[in-house]
């Protein structure tokens, strides 16, 4: 699923001969960083109510990077740097990426894996 998300990112750029939509792919790299640095490599801290300075910072940074990956195509379309088709492909890519993260989170909750 992750590979198809990246493929859609590349297609959004290549089909319209415009590489501005690749900015969203850079944000995809930033999304798991708070989990790796502040969450101990697991996604379980995102659904827990336990807090602390670093856990709350990780939740905020994860949310901000997720909103940023949705906002970048909208801003680029508003500035007329990308076309509507590229923006829709970017949204599809984002949806597949979020499904991938949710599947990974669900699989990491199961102890049987």
Protein backbone atom coordinates (compact mmCIF):
# COMPACT_ATOMS: atom_id res chain seq x y z
CA UNK A 1 0.00 0.00 0.00
CA UNK A 2 2.84 2.35 0.81
CA UNK A 3 4.44 1.69 -2.57
CA UNK A 4 1.21 2.50 -4.38
CA UNK A 5 0.99 5.74 -2.41
CA UNK A 6 4.48 6.75 -3.53
CA UNK A 7 3.64 5.66 -7.09
CA UNK A 8 0.65 7.98 -7.07
CA UNK A 9 2.89 10.78 -5.79
CA UNK A 10 5.24 10.27 -8.72
CA UNK A 11 2.35 9.99 -11.18
CA UNK A 12 0.84 13.26 -9.92
CA UNK A 13 4.14 14.88 -10.83
CA UNK A 14 4.93 13.04 -14.05
CA UNK A 15 1.49 13.14 -15.68
CA UNK A 16 1.25 16.90 -15.37
CA UNK A 17 4.96 17.65 -15.94
CA UNK A 18 5.14 19.53 -12.68
CA UNK A 19 7.19 18.40 -9.69
CA UNK A 20 5.65 20.71 -7.07
CA UNK A 21 3.38 17.94 -5.70
CA UNK A 22 6.50 16.11 -4.52
CA UNK A 23 6.52 18.49 -1.52
CA UNK A 24 3.85 16.29 0.00
CA UNK A 25 6.17 13.29 -0.21
CA UNK A 26 8.69 15.19 1.90
CA UNK A 27 6.04 15.65 4.56
CA UNK A 28 5.33 11.89 4.44
CA UNK A 29 8.90 11.44 5.64
CA UNK A 30 8.21 13.75 8.58
CA UNK A 31 5.03 11.96 9.74
CA UNK A 32 6.71 8.95 11.45
CA UNK A 33 9.59 10.96 12.95
CA UNK A 34 7.80 11.91 16.21
CA UNK A 35 6.92 8.23 16.74
CA UNK A 36 10.54 7.24 16.25
CA UNK A 37 12.05 9.94 18.44
CA UNK A 38 9.50 10.50 21.20
CA UNK A 39 7.26 7.43 21.11
CA UNK A 40 9.88 4.74 21.33
CA UNK A 41 9.22 3.51 17.80
CA UNK A 42 5.64 2.40 18.43
CA UNK A 43 2.35 4.06 17.61
CA UNK A 44 0.65 3.10 20.87
CA UNK A 45 1.35 6.48 22.46
CA UNK A 46 -0.94 8.17 19.93
CA UNK A 47 -4.07 6.53 21.36
CA UNK A 48 -3.10 6.63 25.04
CA UNK A 49 -4.17 9.34 27.42
CA UNK A 50 -0.87 9.21 29.23
CA UNK A 51 0.91 12.44 28.76
CA UNK A 52 4.01 14.29 29.47
CA UNK A 53 5.97 16.96 27.73
CA UNK A 54 7.59 14.76 25.11
CA UNK A 55 4.54 12.59 24.46
CA UNK A 56 2.35 15.65 23.96
CA UNK A 57 4.98 17.17 21.68
CA UNK A 58 5.05 13.96 19.63
CA UNK A 59 1.26 13.98 19.30
CA UNK A 60 1.30 17.61 18.22
CA UNK A 61 4.07 17.10 15.66
CA UNK A 62 2.35 14.03 14.22
CA UNK A 63 -0.90 15.94 13.85
CA UNK A 64 0.80 18.99 12.38
CA UNK A 65 2.68 16.96 9.78
CA UNK A 66 -0.51 15.08 8.88
CA UNK A 67 -2.43 18.32 8.39
CA UNK A 68 0.52 19.69 6.43
CA UNK A 69 0.43 16.78 4.01
CA UNK A 70 -3.22 17.62 3.28
CA UNK A 71 -2.67 21.38 3.17
CA UNK A 72 0.28 21.43 0.76
CA UNK A 73 -1.71 20.23 -2.31
CA UNK A 74 -4.54 22.64 -1.46
CA UNK A 75 -2.15 25.58 -1.15
CA UNK A 76 -0.34 24.63 -4.35
CA UNK A 77 -3.67 24.38 -6.21
CA UNK A 78 -4.82 27.72 -4.80
CA UNK A 79 -1.59 29.32 -5.99
CA UNK A 80 -2.19 27.66 -9.40
CA UNK A 81 1.14 25.86 -9.28
CA UNK A 82 -0.52 22.46 -9.81
CA UNK A 83 -3.67 21.40 -11.63
CA UNK A 84 -6.83 20.00 -10.08
CA UNK A 85 -6.04 16.50 -11.36
CA UNK A 86 -2.67 16.50 -9.62
CA UNK A 87 -4.33 17.67 -6.41
CA UNK A 88 -6.89 14.85 -6.58
CA UNK A 89 -4.14 12.29 -7.19
CA UNK A 90 -2.31 13.72 -4.18
CA UNK A 91 -5.43 13.29 -2.02
CA UNK A 92 -5.79 9.69 -3.20
CA UNK A 93 -2.15 9.10 -2.36
CA UNK A 94 -2.67 10.61 1.09
CA UNK A 95 -5.73 8.41 1.70
CA UNK A 96 -3.75 5.28 0.81
CA UNK A 97 -0.88 6.46 3.01
CA UNK A 98 -3.22 6.98 5.98
CA UNK A 99 -4.71 3.52 5.42
CA UNK A 100 -1.18 2.10 5.45
CA UNK A 101 -0.40 3.82 8.75
CA UNK A 102 -3.67 2.60 10.28
CA UNK A 103 -2.97 -0.97 9.16
CA UNK A 104 0.52 -0.76 10.64
CA UNK A 105 -0.89 0.62 13.89
CA UNK A 106 -3.48 -2.16 14.07
CA UNK A 107 -0.86 -4.82 13.34
CA UNK A 108 1.48 -3.40 15.98
CA UNK A 109 -1.28 -3.62 18.61
CA UNK A 110 -1.63 -7.38 18.10
CA UNK A 111 0.81 -9.32 20.23
CA UNK A 112 0.51 -12.37 17.99
CA UNK A 113 2.57 -10.84 15.21
